[in-house]
Amino acid sequence: RPQVVNLTSRMYRLEDHNDPNTVKVVSDPSGRALYFSRAPIPSR
């Protein structure tokens, strides 16, 4: 019963990670979203 649930999918291409048209997401160990960005997160 979360307030919002969002599907995230793994990226396999570095060009997708770098692409500002692709929204990246990072989450904590419990699955709570921490941040969404058009920048490549987490940093490589």
PDB file of all heavy atoms in Angstrom:
ATOM      1  N   ARG A   1       0.807  -1.216   0.000  1.00  0.00           N
ATOM      2  CA  ARG A   1       0.000   0.000   0.000  1.00  0.00           C
ATOM      3  C   ARG A   1       0.848   1.277   0.000  1.00  0.00           C
ATOM      4  O   ARG A   1       0.629   2.184   0.824  1.00  0.00           O
ATOM      5  CB  ARG A   1      -0.972   0.005   1.188  1.00  0.00           C
ATOM      6  CG  ARG A   1      -2.030  -1.093   1.121  1.00  0.00           C
ATOM      7  CD  ARG A   1      -2.884  -0.982  -0.136  1.00  0.00           C
ATOM      8  NE  ARG A   1      -3.897  -2.011  -0.191  1.00  0.00           N
ATOM      9  CZ  ARG A   1      -5.170  -1.831   0.144  1.00  0.00           C
ATOM     10  NH1 ARG A   1      -5.583  -0.648   0.552  1.00  0.00           N
ATOM     11  NH2 ARG A   1      -6.027  -2.827   0.052  1.00  0.00           N
ATOM     12  N   PRO A   2       1.810   1.390  -0.915  1.00  0.00           N
ATOM     13  CA  PRO A   2       2.559   2.647  -1.011  1.00  0.00           C
ATOM     14  C   PRO A   2       1.666   3.740  -1.596  1.00  0.00           C
ATOM     15  O   PRO A   2       0.654   3.464  -2.233  1.00  0.00           O
ATOM     16  CB  PRO A   2       3.699   2.303  -1.973  1.00  0.00           C
ATOM     17  CG  PRO A   2       3.118   1.227  -2.846  1.00  0.00           C
ATOM     18  CD  PRO A   2       2.215   0.430  -1.952  1.00  0.00           C
ATOM     19  N   GLN A   3       2.050   4.988  -1.373  1.00  0.00           N
ATOM     20  CA  GLN A   3       1.278   6.085  -1.953  1.00  0.00           C
ATOM     21  C   GLN A   3       1.395   6.099  -3.474  1.00  0.00           C
ATOM     22  O   GLN A   3       0.444   6.420  -4.191  1.00  0.00           O
ATOM     23  CB  GLN A   3       1.744   7.413  -1.355  1.00  0.00           C
ATOM     24  CG  GLN A   3       1.411   7.522   0.132  1.00  0.00           C
ATOM     25  CD  GLN A   3       2.250   8.579   0.828  1.00  0.00           C
ATOM     26  OE1 GLN A   3       3.457   8.671   0.636  1.00  0.00           O
ATOM     27  NE2 GLN A   3       1.615   9.364   1.672  1.00  0.00           N
ATOM     28  N   VAL A   4       2.591   5.761  -3.946  1.00  0.00           N
ATOM     29  CA  VAL A   4       2.852   5.678  -5.382  1.00  0.00           C
ATOM     30  C   VAL A   4       3.765   4.477  -5.620  1.00  0.00           C
ATOM     31  O   VAL A   4       4.674   4.226  -4.818  1.00  0.00           O
ATOM     32  CB  VAL A   4       3.554   6.948  -5.912  1.00  0.00           C
ATOM     33  CG1 VAL A   4       3.727   6.878  -7.425  1.00  0.00           C
ATOM     34  CG2 VAL A   4       2.794   8.205  -5.518  1.00  0.00           C
ATOM     35  N   VAL A   5       3.537   3.760  -6.694  1.00  0.00           N
ATOM     36  CA  VAL A   5       4.419   2.667  -7.085  1.00  0.00           C
ATOM     37  C   VAL A   5       4.820   2.891  -8.538  1.00  0.00           C
ATOM     38  O   VAL A   5       3.979   3.198  -9.384  1.00  0.00           O
ATOM     39  CB  VAL A   5       3.745   1.283  -6.869  1.00  0.00           C
ATOM     40  CG1 VAL A   5       2.452   1.166  -7.638  1.00  0.00           C
ATOM     41  CG2 VAL A   5       4.692   0.157  -7.231  1.00  0.00           C
ATOM     42  N   ASN A   6       6.127   2.817  -8.818  1.00  0.00           N
ATOM     43  CA  ASN A   6       6.661   3.156 -10.144  1.00  0.00           C
ATOM     44  C   ASN A   6       7.573   2.032 -10.635  1.00  0.00           C
ATOM     45  O   ASN A   6       8.511   1.634  -9.937  1.00  0.00           O
ATOM     46  CB  ASN A   6       7.441   4.465 -10.054  1.00  0.00           C
ATOM     47  CG  ASN A   6       7.721   5.129 -11.397  1.00  0.00           C
ATOM     48  OD1 ASN A   6       8.064   6.298 -11.438  1.00  0.00           O
ATOM     49  ND2 ASN A   6       7.568   4.427 -12.501  1.00  0.00           N
ATOM     50  N   LEU A   7       7.290   1.521 -11.818  1.00  0.00           N
ATOM     51  CA  LEU A   7       8.153   0.500 -12.413  1.00  0.00           C
ATOM     52  C   LEU A   7       9.429   1.149 -12.934  1.00  0.00           C
ATOM     53  O   LEU A   7       9.385   2.201 -13.586  1.00  0.00           O
ATOM     54  CB  LEU A   7       7.436  -0.205 -13.563  1.00  0.00           C
ATOM     55  CG  LEU A   7       8.226  -1.352 -14.203  1.00  0.00           C
ATOM     56  CD1 LEU A   7       8.183  -2.594 -13.317  1.00  0.00           C
ATOM     57  CD2 LEU A   7       7.695  -1.679 -15.593  1.00  0.00           C
ATOM     58  N   THR A   8      10.574   0.541 -12.636  1.00  0.00           N
ATOM     59  CA  THR A   8      11.845   0.972 -13.207  1.00  0.00           C
ATOM     60  C   THR A   8      12.494  -0.223 -13.892  1.00  0.00           C
ATOM     61  O   THR A   8      12.376  -1.358 -13.416  1.00  0.00           O
ATOM     62  CB  THR A   8      12.802   1.526 -12.133  1.00  0.00           C
ATOM     63  OG1 THR A   8      13.133   0.499 -11.195  1.00  0.00           O
ATOM     64  CG2 THR A   8      12.160   2.689 -11.398  1.00  0.00           C
ATOM     65  N   SER A   9      13.153   0.027 -15.005  1.00  0.00           N
ATOM     66  CA  SER A   9      13.739  -1.069 -15.775  1.00  0.00           C
ATOM     67  C   SER A   9      15.240  -0.864 -15.945  1.00  0.00           C
ATOM     68  O   SER A   9      15.726   0.265 -16.057  1.00  0.00           O
ATOM     69  CB  SER A   9      13.064  -1.194 -17.144  1.00  0.00           C
ATOM     70  OG  SER A   9      13.241  -0.019 -17.908  1.00  0.00           O
ATOM     71  N   ARG A  10      15.947  -1.976 -15.956  1.00  0.00           N
ATOM     72  CA  ARG A  10      17.408  -1.918 -16.073  1.00  0.00           C
ATOM     73  C   ARG A  10      17.812  -1.430 -17.456  1.00  0.00           C
ATOM     74  O   ARG A  10      17.191  -1.789 -18.463  1.00  0.00           O
ATOM     75  CB  ARG A  10      18.020  -3.301 -15.816  1.00  0.00           C
ATOM     76  CG  ARG A  10      19.552  -3.278 -15.810  1.00  0.00           C
ATOM     77  CD  ARG A  10      20.115  -4.660 -15.532  1.00  0.00           C
ATOM     78  NE  ARG A  10      19.933  -5.072 -14.154  1.00  0.00           N
ATOM     79  CZ  ARG A  10      20.748  -4.751 -13.154  1.00  0.00           C
ATOM     80  NH1 ARG A  10      21.801  -3.972 -13.383  1.00  0.00           N
ATOM     81  NH2 ARG A  10      20.526  -5.188 -11.938  1.00  0.00           N
ATOM     82  N   MET A  11      18.845  -0.612 -17.482  1.00  0.00           N
ATOM     83  CA  MET A  11      19.440  -0.160 -18.751  1.00  0.00           C
ATOM     84  C   MET A  11      20.719  -0.936 -18.991  1.00  0.00           C
ATOM     85  O   MET A  11      21.512  -1.151 -18.070  1.00  0.00           O
ATOM     86  CB  MET A  11      19.730   1.342 -18.701  1.00  0.00           C
ATOM     87  CG  MET A  11      18.489   2.207 -18.650  1.00  0.00           C
ATOM     88  SD  MET A  11      18.877   3.971 -18.612  1.00  0.00           S
ATOM     89  CE  MET A  11      19.580   4.119 -16.973  1.00  0.00           C
ATOM     90  N   TYR A  12      20.920  -1.317 -20.236  1.00  0.00           N
ATOM     91  CA  TYR A  12      22.084  -2.115 -20.591  1.00  0.00           C
ATOM     92  C   TYR A  12      23.047  -1.361 -21.508  1.00  0.00           C
ATOM     93  O   TYR A  12      24.126  -1.868 -21.804  1.00  0.00           O
ATOM     94  CB  TYR A  12      21.634  -3.406 -21.275  1.00  0.00           C
ATOM     95  CG  TYR A  12      20.835  -4.306 -20.361  1.00  0.00           C
ATOM     96  CD1 TYR A  12      19.438  -4.245 -20.340  1.00  0.00           C
ATOM     97  CD2 TYR A  12      21.467  -5.185 -19.488  1.00  0.00           C
ATOM     98  CE1 TYR A  12      18.705  -5.056 -19.483  1.00  0.00           C
ATOM     99  CE2 TYR A  12      20.741  -6.000 -18.629  1.00  0.00           C
ATOM    100  CZ  TYR A  12      19.360  -5.929 -18.628  1.00  0.00           C
ATOM    101  OH  TYR A  12      18.633  -6.721 -17.774  1.00  0.00           O
ATOM    102  N   ARG A  13      22.672  -0.146 -21.922  1.00  0.00           N
ATOM    103  CA  ARG A  13      23.499   0.618 -22.849  1.00  0.00           C
ATOM    104  C   ARG A  13      23.936   1.925 -22.186  1.00  0.00           C
ATOM    105  O   ARG A  13      23.108   2.651 -21.626  1.00  0.00           O
ATOM    106  CB  ARG A  13      22.746   0.928 -24.142  1.00  0.00           C
ATOM    107  CG  ARG A  13      22.076  -0.289 -24.777  1.00  0.00           C
ATOM    108  CD  ARG A  13      21.514   0.030 -26.162  1.00  0.00           C
ATOM    109  NE  ARG A  13      20.777   1.289 -26.198  1.00  0.00           N
ATOM    110  CZ  ARG A  13      20.349   1.855 -27.328  1.00  0.00           C
ATOM    111  NH1 ARG A  13      20.600   1.272 -28.489  1.00  0.00           N
ATOM    112  NH2 ARG A  13      19.670   2.990 -27.297  1.00  0.00           N
ATOM    113  N   LEU A  14      25.227   2.219 -22.267  1.00  0.00           N
ATOM    114  CA  LEU A  14      25.723   3.452 -21.674  1.00  0.00           C
ATOM    115  C   LEU A  14      25.112   4.673 -22.336  1.00  0.00           C
ATOM    116  O   LEU A  14      24.911   5.710 -21.686  1.00  0.00           O
ATOM    117  CB  LEU A  14      27.255   3.508 -21.773  1.00  0.00           C
ATOM    118  CG  LEU A  14      28.032   2.495 -20.926  1.00  0.00           C
ATOM    119  CD1 LEU A  14      29.532   2.708 -21.100  1.00  0.00           C
ATOM    120  CD2 LEU A  14      27.645   2.600 -19.449  1.00  0.00           C
ATOM    121  N   GLU A  15      24.798   4.570 -23.624  1.00  0.00           N
ATOM    122  CA  GLU A  15      24.200   5.724 -24.295  1.00  0.00           C
ATOM    123  C   GLU A  15      22.835   6.075 -23.716  1.00  0.00           C
ATOM    124  O   GLU A  15      22.433   7.245 -23.692  1.00  0.00           O
ATOM    125  CB  GLU A  15      24.100   5.494 -25.811  1.00  0.00           C
ATOM    126  CG  GLU A  15      23.373   4.237 -26.230  1.00  0.00           C
ATOM    127  CD  GLU A  15      24.312   3.083 -26.550  1.00  0.00           C
ATOM    128  OE1 GLU A  15      25.245   2.841 -25.754  1.00  0.00           O
ATOM    129  OE2 GLU A  15      24.102   2.432 -27.593  1.00  0.00           O
ATOM    130  N   ASP A  16      22.120   5.061 -23.203  1.00  0.00           N
ATOM    131  CA  ASP A  16      20.846   5.344 -22.540  1.00  0.00           C
ATOM    132  C   ASP A  16      21.071   6.033 -21.196  1.00  0.00           C
ATOM    133  O   ASP A  16      20.315   6.933 -20.807  1.00  0.00           O
ATOM    134  CB  ASP A  16      20.054   4.051 -22.326  1.00  0.00           C
ATOM    135  CG  ASP A  16      19.556   3.452 -23.625  1.00  0.00           C
ATOM    136  OD1 ASP A  16      19.349   4.219 -24.588  1.00  0.00           O
ATOM    137  OD2 ASP A  16      19.387   2.223 -23.688  1.00  0.00           O
ATOM    138  N   HIS A  17      22.113   5.609 -20.482  1.00  0.00           N
ATOM    139  CA  HIS A  17      22.440   6.228 -19.194  1.00  0.00           C
ATOM    140  C   HIS A  17      22.839   7.691 -19.374  1.00  0.00           C
ATOM    141  O   HIS A  17      22.559   8.537 -18.512  1.00  0.00           O
ATOM    142  CB  HIS A  17      23.565   5.443 -18.511  1.00  0.00           C
ATOM    143  CG  HIS A  17      23.667   5.682 -17.041  1.00  0.00           C
ATOM    144  ND1 HIS A  17      24.869   5.947 -16.414  1.00  0.00           N
ATOM    145  CD2 HIS A  17      22.728   5.690 -16.053  1.00  0.00           C
ATOM    146  CE1 HIS A  17      24.662   6.100 -15.113  1.00  0.00           C
ATOM    147  NE2 HIS A  17      23.381   5.956 -14.867  1.00  0.00           N
ATOM    148  N   ASN A  18      23.464   8.003 -20.495  1.00  0.00           N
ATOM    149  CA  ASN A  18      23.907   9.373 -20.765  1.00  0.00           C
ATOM    150  C   ASN A  18      22.827  10.231 -21.413  1.00  0.00           C
ATOM    151  O   ASN A  18      22.937  11.459 -21.423  1.00  0.00           O
ATOM    152  CB  ASN A  18      25.130   9.364 -21.682  1.00  0.00           C
ATOM    153  CG  ASN A  18      26.360   8.778 -21.001  1.00  0.00           C
ATOM    154  OD1 ASN A  18      26.532   8.924 -19.797  1.00  0.00           O
ATOM    155  ND2 ASN A  18      27.208   8.115 -21.771  1.00  0.00           N
ATOM    156  N   ASP A  19      21.791   9.615 -21.940  1.00  0.00           N
ATOM    157  CA  ASP A  19      20.778  10.317 -22.726  1.00  0.00           C
ATOM    158  C   ASP A  19      19.861  11.147 -21.818  1.00  0.00           C
ATOM    159  O   ASP A  19      19.167  10.608 -20.954  1.00  0.00           O
ATOM    160  CB  ASP A  19      19.942   9.286 -23.493  1.00  0.00           C
ATOM    161  CG  ASP A  19      18.965   9.927 -24.456  1.00  0.00           C
ATOM    162  OD1 ASP A  19      18.798  11.162 -24.437  1.00  0.00           O
ATOM    163  OD2 ASP A  19      18.354   9.185 -25.248  1.00  0.00           O
ATOM    164  N   PRO A  20      19.804  12.475 -21.991  1.00  0.00           N
ATOM    165  CA  PRO A  20      18.933  13.301 -21.147  1.00  0.00           C
ATOM    166  C   PRO A  20      17.441  13.064 -21.403  1.00  0.00           C
ATOM    167  O   PRO A  20      16.604  13.501 -20.609  1.00  0.00           O
ATOM    168  CB  PRO A  20      19.334  14.734 -21.519  1.00  0.00           C
ATOM    169  CG  PRO A  20      19.942  14.623 -22.873  1.00  0.00           C
ATOM    170  CD  PRO A  20      20.602  13.288 -22.932  1.00  0.00           C
ATOM    171  N   ASN A  21      17.105  12.379 -22.491  1.00  0.00           N
ATOM    172  CA  ASN A  21      15.705  12.043 -22.732  1.00  0.00           C
ATOM    173  C   ASN A  21      15.248  10.859 -21.883  1.00  0.00           C
ATOM    174  O   ASN A  21      14.049  10.593 -21.767  1.00  0.00           O
ATOM    175  CB  ASN A  21      15.474  11.712 -24.214  1.00  0.00           C
ATOM    176  CG  ASN A  21      15.635  12.923 -25.098  1.00  0.00           C
ATOM    177  OD1 ASN A  21      15.220  14.018 -24.742  1.00  0.00           O
ATOM    178  ND2 ASN A  21      16.248  12.730 -26.257  1.00  0.00           N
ATOM    179  N   THR A  22      16.203  10.140 -21.295  1.00  0.00           N
ATOM    180  CA  THR A  22      15.901   8.989 -20.444  1.00  0.00           C
ATOM    181  C   THR A  22      15.997   9.419 -18.985  1.00  0.00           C
ATOM    182  O   THR A  22      17.024   9.932 -18.547  1.00  0.00           O
ATOM    183  CB  THR A  22      16.892   7.833 -20.706  1.00  0.00           C
ATOM    184  OG1 THR A  22      16.840   7.475 -22.089  1.00  0.00           O
ATOM    185  CG2 THR A  22      16.550   6.626 -19.855  1.00  0.00           C
ATOM    186  N   VAL A  23      14.922   9.201 -18.244  1.00  0.00           N
ATOM    187  CA  VAL A  23      14.903   9.583 -16.824  1.00  0.00           C
ATOM    188  C   VAL A  23      15.468   8.433 -15.989  1.00  0.00           C
ATOM    189  O   VAL A  23      14.928   7.328 -16.006  1.00  0.00           O
ATOM    190  CB  VAL A  23      13.480   9.934 -16.353  1.00  0.00           C
ATOM    191  CG1 VAL A  23      13.477  10.241 -14.855  1.00  0.00           C
ATOM    192  CG2 VAL A  23      12.942  11.117 -17.147  1.00  0.00           C
ATOM    193  N   LYS A  24      16.558   8.716 -15.281  1.00  0.00           N
ATOM    194  CA  LYS A  24      17.186   7.719 -14.421  1.00  0.00           C
ATOM    195  C   LYS A  24      16.659   7.837 -12.996  1.00  0.00           C
ATOM    196  O   LYS A  24      16.185   8.899 -12.595  1.00  0.00           O
ATOM    197  CB  LYS A  24      18.709   7.894 -14.414  1.00  0.00           C
ATOM    198  CG  LYS A  24      19.409   7.256 -15.613  1.00  0.00           C
ATOM    199  CD  LYS A  24      19.135   7.928 -16.943  1.00  0.00           C
ATOM    200  CE  LYS A  24      19.742   9.300 -17.047  1.00  0.00           C
ATOM    201  NZ  LYS A  24      19.610   9.900 -18.407  1.00  0.00           N
ATOM    202  N   VAL A  25      16.767   6.724 -12.248  1.00  0.00           N
ATOM    203  CA  VAL A  25      16.264   6.724 -10.880  1.00  0.00           C
ATOM    204  C   VAL A  25      17.213   5.955  -9.980  1.00  0.00           C
ATOM    205  O   VAL A  25      17.830   4.970 -10.412  1.00  0.00           O
ATOM    206  CB  VAL A  25      14.844   6.106 -10.809  1.00  0.00           C
ATOM    207  CG1 VAL A  25      14.827   4.683 -11.334  1.00  0.00           C
ATOM    208  CG2 VAL A  25      14.272   6.168  -9.398  1.00  0.00           C
ATOM    209  N   VAL A  26      17.358   6.422  -8.743  1.00  0.00           N
ATOM    210  CA  VAL A  26      18.094   5.691  -7.708  1.00  0.00           C
ATOM    211  C   VAL A  26      17.154   5.517  -6.522  1.00  0.00           C
ATOM    212  O   VAL A  26      16.296   6.359  -6.254  1.00  0.00           O
ATOM    213  CB  VAL A  26      19.395   6.409  -7.282  1.00  0.00           C
ATOM    214  CG1 VAL A  26      20.427   6.374  -8.387  1.00  0.00           C
ATOM    215  CG2 VAL A  26      19.109   7.858  -6.872  1.00  0.00           C
ATOM    216  N   SER A  27      17.323   4.401  -5.817  1.00  0.00           N
ATOM    217  CA  SER A  27      16.437   4.092  -4.693  1.00  0.00           C
ATOM    218  C   SER A  27      17.252   3.560  -3.524  1.00  0.00           C
ATOM    219  O   SER A  27      18.407   3.137  -3.685  1.00  0.00           O
ATOM    220  CB  SER A  27      15.384   3.065  -5.106  1.00  0.00           C
ATOM    221  OG  SER A  27      15.994   1.880  -5.600  1.00  0.00           O
ATOM    222  N   ASP A  28      16.654   3.566  -2.329  1.00  0.00           N
ATOM    223  CA  ASP A  28      17.341   3.029  -1.159  1.00  0.00           C
ATOM    224  C   ASP A  28      17.132   1.512  -1.087  1.00  0.00           C
ATOM    225  O   ASP A  28      16.401   0.934  -1.903  1.00  0.00           O
ATOM    226  CB  ASP A  28      16.890   3.748   0.115  1.00  0.00           C
ATOM    227  CG  ASP A  28      15.470   3.407   0.554  1.00  0.00           C
ATOM    228  OD1 ASP A  28      14.876   2.442   0.026  1.00  0.00           O
ATOM    229  OD2 ASP A  28      14.945   4.099   1.447  1.00  0.00           O
ATOM    230  N   PRO A  29      17.787   0.826  -0.134  1.00  0.00           N
ATOM    231  CA  PRO A  29      17.676  -0.641  -0.073  1.00  0.00           C
ATOM    232  C   PRO A  29      16.257  -1.164   0.114  1.00  0.00           C
ATOM    233  O   PRO A  29      15.962  -2.311  -0.247  1.00  0.00           O
ATOM    234  CB  PRO A  29      18.557  -1.010   1.126  1.00  0.00           C
ATOM    235  CG  PRO A  29      19.582   0.083   1.188  1.00  0.00           C
ATOM    236  CD  PRO A  29      18.827   1.328   0.800  1.00  0.00           C
ATOM    237  N   SER A  30      15.356  -0.346   0.645  1.00  0.00           N
ATOM    238  CA  SER A  30      13.978  -0.790   0.837  1.00  0.00           C
ATOM    239  C   SER A  30      13.124  -0.604  -0.413  1.00  0.00           C
ATOM    240  O   SER A  30      11.957  -1.001  -0.436  1.00  0.00           O
ATOM    241  CB  SER A  30      13.332  -0.034   2.006  1.00  0.00           C
ATOM    242  OG  SER A  30      13.061   1.305   1.650  1.00  0.00           O
ATOM    243  N   GLY A  31      13.705   0.024  -1.446  1.00  0.00           N
ATOM    244  CA  GLY A  31      12.958   0.268  -2.668  1.00  0.00           C
ATOM    245  C   GLY A  31      12.304   1.628  -2.746  1.00  0.00           C
ATOM    246  O   GLY A  31      11.542   1.902  -3.670  1.00  0.00           O
ATOM    247  N   ARG A  32      12.617   2.494  -1.807  1.00  0.00           N
ATOM    248  CA  ARG A  32      12.060   3.853  -1.841  1.00  0.00           C
ATOM    249  C   ARG A  32      12.865   4.707  -2.813  1.00  0.00           C
ATOM    250  O   ARG A  32      14.090   4.796  -2.715  1.00  0.00           O
ATOM    251  CB  ARG A  32      12.091   4.485  -0.456  1.00  0.00           C
ATOM    252  CG  ARG A  32      11.532   5.906  -0.421  1.00  0.00           C
ATOM    253  CD  ARG A  32      11.412   6.418   0.987  1.00  0.00           C
ATOM    254  NE  ARG A  32      10.761   7.730   1.024  1.00  0.00           N
ATOM    255  CZ  ARG A  32      10.099   8.199   2.063  1.00  0.00           C
ATOM    256  NH1 ARG A  32      10.003   7.481   3.171  1.00  0.00           N
ATOM    257  NH2 ARG A  32       9.529   9.390   2.025  1.00  0.00           N
ATOM    258  N   ALA A  33      12.187   5.351  -3.746  1.00  0.00           N
ATOM    259  CA  ALA A  33      12.868   6.217  -4.706  1.00  0.00           C
ATOM    260  C   ALA A  33      13.488   7.407  -3.993  1.00  0.00           C
ATOM    261  O   ALA A  33      12.839   8.063  -3.169  1.00  0.00           O
ATOM    262  CB  ALA A  33      11.894   6.699  -5.771  1.00  0.00           C
ATOM    263  N   LEU A  34      14.758   7.667  -4.293  1.00  0.00           N
ATOM    264  CA  LEU A  34      15.460   8.793  -3.688  1.00  0.00           C
ATOM    265  C   LEU A  34      15.513   9.994  -4.614  1.00  0.00           C
ATOM    266  O   LEU A  34      15.424  11.136  -4.166  1.00  0.00           O
ATOM    267  CB  LEU A  34      16.892   8.377  -3.327  1.00  0.00           C
ATOM    268  CG  LEU A  34      17.040   7.267  -2.287  1.00  0.00           C
ATOM    269  CD1 LEU A  34      18.509   6.865  -2.160  1.00  0.00           C
ATOM    270  CD2 LEU A  34      16.494   7.731  -0.935  1.00  0.00           C
ATOM    271  N   TYR A  35      15.687   9.730  -5.920  1.00  0.00           N
ATOM    272  CA  TYR A  35      15.828  10.838  -6.864  1.00  0.00           C
ATOM    273  C   TYR A  35      15.616  10.335  -8.288  1.00  0.00           C
ATOM    274  O   TYR A  35      15.986   9.207  -8.631  1.00  0.00           O
ATOM    275  CB  TYR A  35      17.216  11.485  -6.747  1.00  0.00           C
ATOM    276  CG  TYR A  35      17.292  12.868  -7.344  1.00  0.00           C
ATOM    277  CD1 TYR A  35      16.848  13.974  -6.618  1.00  0.00           C
ATOM    278  CD2 TYR A  35      17.788  13.076  -8.628  1.00  0.00           C
ATOM    279  CE1 TYR A  35      16.894  15.258  -7.168  1.00  0.00           C
ATOM    280  CE2 TYR A  35      17.837  14.355  -9.185  1.00  0.00           C
ATOM    281  CZ  TYR A  35      17.392  15.446  -8.448  1.00  0.00           C
ATOM    282  OH  TYR A  35      17.426  16.711  -8.985  1.00  0.00           O
ATOM    283  N   PHE A  36      15.021  11.220  -9.097  1.00  0.00           N
ATOM    284  CA  PHE A  36      14.887  11.001 -10.537  1.00  0.00           C
ATOM    285  C   PHE A  36      15.662  12.098 -11.245  1.00  0.00           C
ATOM    286  O   PHE A  36      15.571  13.273 -10.864  1.00  0.00           O
ATOM    287  CB  PHE A  36      13.424  11.080 -10.972  1.00  0.00           C
ATOM    288  CG  PHE A  36      12.532  10.019 -10.385  1.00  0.00           C
ATOM    289  CD1 PHE A  36      11.894  10.224  -9.166  1.00  0.00           C
ATOM    290  CD2 PHE A  36      12.303   8.825 -11.054  1.00  0.00           C
ATOM    291  CE1 PHE A  36      11.052   9.265  -8.623  1.00  0.00           C
ATOM    292  CE2 PHE A  36      11.475   7.861 -10.525  1.00  0.00           C
ATOM    293  CZ  PHE A  36      10.843   8.074  -9.306  1.00  0.00           C
ATOM    294  N   SER A  37      16.404  11.746 -12.277  1.00  0.00           N
ATOM    295  CA  SER A  37      17.203  12.759 -12.963  1.00  0.00           C
ATOM    296  C   SER A  37      17.387  12.404 -14.435  1.00  0.00           C
ATOM    297  O   SER A  37      17.400  11.224 -14.812  1.00  0.00           O
ATOM    298  CB  SER A  37      18.582  12.895 -12.303  1.00  0.00           C
ATOM    299  OG  SER A  37      19.348  13.897 -12.962  1.00  0.00           O
ATOM    300  N   ARG A  38      17.579  13.432 -15.234  1.00  0.00           N
ATOM    301  CA  ARG A  38      17.942  13.227 -16.635  1.00  0.00           C
ATOM    302  C   ARG A  38      19.462  13.108 -16.791  1.00  0.00           C
ATOM    303  O   ARG A  38      19.946  12.743 -17.862  1.00  0.00           O
ATOM    304  CB  ARG A  38      17.380  14.359 -17.491  1.00  0.00           C
ATOM    305  CG  ARG A  38      15.859  14.352 -17.483  1.00  0.00           C
ATOM    306  CD  ARG A  38      15.234  15.409 -18.368  1.00  0.00           C
ATOM    307  NE  ARG A  38      13.780  15.310 -18.281  1.00  0.00           N
ATOM    308  CZ  ARG A  38      13.034  14.471 -18.988  1.00  0.00           C
ATOM    309  NH1 ARG A  38      13.625  13.652 -19.857  1.00  0.00           N
ATOM    310  NH2 ARG A  38      11.731  14.436 -18.848  1.00  0.00           N
ATOM    311  N   ALA A  39      20.180  13.390 -15.709  1.00  0.00           N
ATOM    312  CA  ALA A  39      21.622  13.168 -15.689  1.00  0.00           C
ATOM    313  C   ALA A  39      21.893  11.690 -15.383  1.00  0.00           C
ATOM    314  O   ALA A  39      21.035  10.995 -14.841  1.00  0.00           O
ATOM    315  CB  ALA A  39      22.267  14.051 -14.622  1.00  0.00           C
ATOM    316  N   PRO A  40      23.090  11.179 -15.710  1.00  0.00           N
ATOM    317  CA  PRO A  40      23.406   9.770 -15.440  1.00  0.00           C
ATOM    318  C   PRO A  40      23.664   9.524 -13.954  1.00  0.00           C
ATOM    319  O   PRO A  40      24.735   9.839 -13.436  1.00  0.00           O
ATOM    320  CB  PRO A  40      24.667   9.511 -16.274  1.00  0.00           C
ATOM    321  CG  PRO A  40      25.282  10.844 -16.485  1.00  0.00           C
ATOM    322  CD  PRO A  40      24.146  11.840 -16.495  1.00  0.00           C
ATOM    323  N   ILE A  41      22.657   9.004 -13.250  1.00  0.00           N
ATOM    324  CA  ILE A  41      22.805   8.637 -11.841  1.00  0.00           C
ATOM    325  C   ILE A  41      22.538   7.153 -11.687  1.00  0.00           C
ATOM    326  O   ILE A  41      21.691   6.596 -12.395  1.00  0.00           O
ATOM    327  CB  ILE A  41      21.864   9.457 -10.924  1.00  0.00           C
ATOM    328  CG1 ILE A  41      20.391   9.293 -11.350  1.00  0.00           C
ATOM    329  CG2 ILE A  41      22.279  10.904 -10.889  1.00  0.00           C
ATOM    330  CD1 ILE A  41      19.383   9.906 -10.404  1.00  0.00           C
ATOM    331  N   PRO A  42      23.266   6.469 -10.771  1.00  0.00           N
ATOM    332  CA  PRO A  42      24.419   6.987 -10.030  1.00  0.00           C
ATOM    333  C   PRO A  42      25.592   7.264 -10.964  1.00  0.00           C
ATOM    334  O   PRO A  42      25.657   6.745 -12.073  1.00  0.00           O
ATOM    335  CB  PRO A  42      24.740   5.853  -9.048  1.00  0.00           C
ATOM    336  CG  PRO A  42      24.221   4.629  -9.708  1.00  0.00           C
ATOM    337  CD  PRO A  42      23.006   5.046 -10.465  1.00  0.00           C
ATOM    338  N   SER A  43      26.524   8.074 -10.480  1.00  0.00           N
ATOM    339  CA  SER A  43      27.658   8.487 -11.294  1.00  0.00           C
ATOM    340  C   SER A  43      28.592   7.313 -11.609  1.00  0.00           C
ATOM    341  O   SER A  43      28.825   6.444 -10.773  1.00  0.00           O
ATOM    342  CB  SER A  43      28.448   9.569 -10.557  1.00  0.00           C
ATOM    343  OG  SER A  43      29.662   9.846 -11.224  1.00  0.00           O
ATOM    344  N   ARG A  44      29.128   7.324 -12.831  1.00  0.00           N
ATOM    345  CA  ARG A  44      30.141   6.330 -13.213  1.00  0.00           C
ATOM    346  C   ARG A  44      31.550   6.910 -13.120  1.00  0.00           C
ATOM    347  O   ARG A  44      32.501   6.321 -13.639  1.00  0.00           O
ATOM    348  CB  ARG A  44      29.892   5.846 -14.642  1.00  0.00           C
ATOM    349  CG  ARG A  44      28.494   5.286 -14.886  1.00  0.00           C
ATOM    350  CD  ARG A  44      28.412   4.527 -16.223  1.00  0.00           C
ATOM    351  NE  ARG A  44      28.995   5.263 -17.332  1.00  0.00           N
ATOM    352  CZ  ARG A  44      28.358   6.158 -18.091  1.00  0.00           C
ATOM    353  NH1 ARG A  44      27.073   6.428 -17.830  1.00  0.00           N
ATOM    354  NH2 ARG A  44      28.959   6.772 -19.078  1.00  0.00           N
TER     355      ARG A  44
END
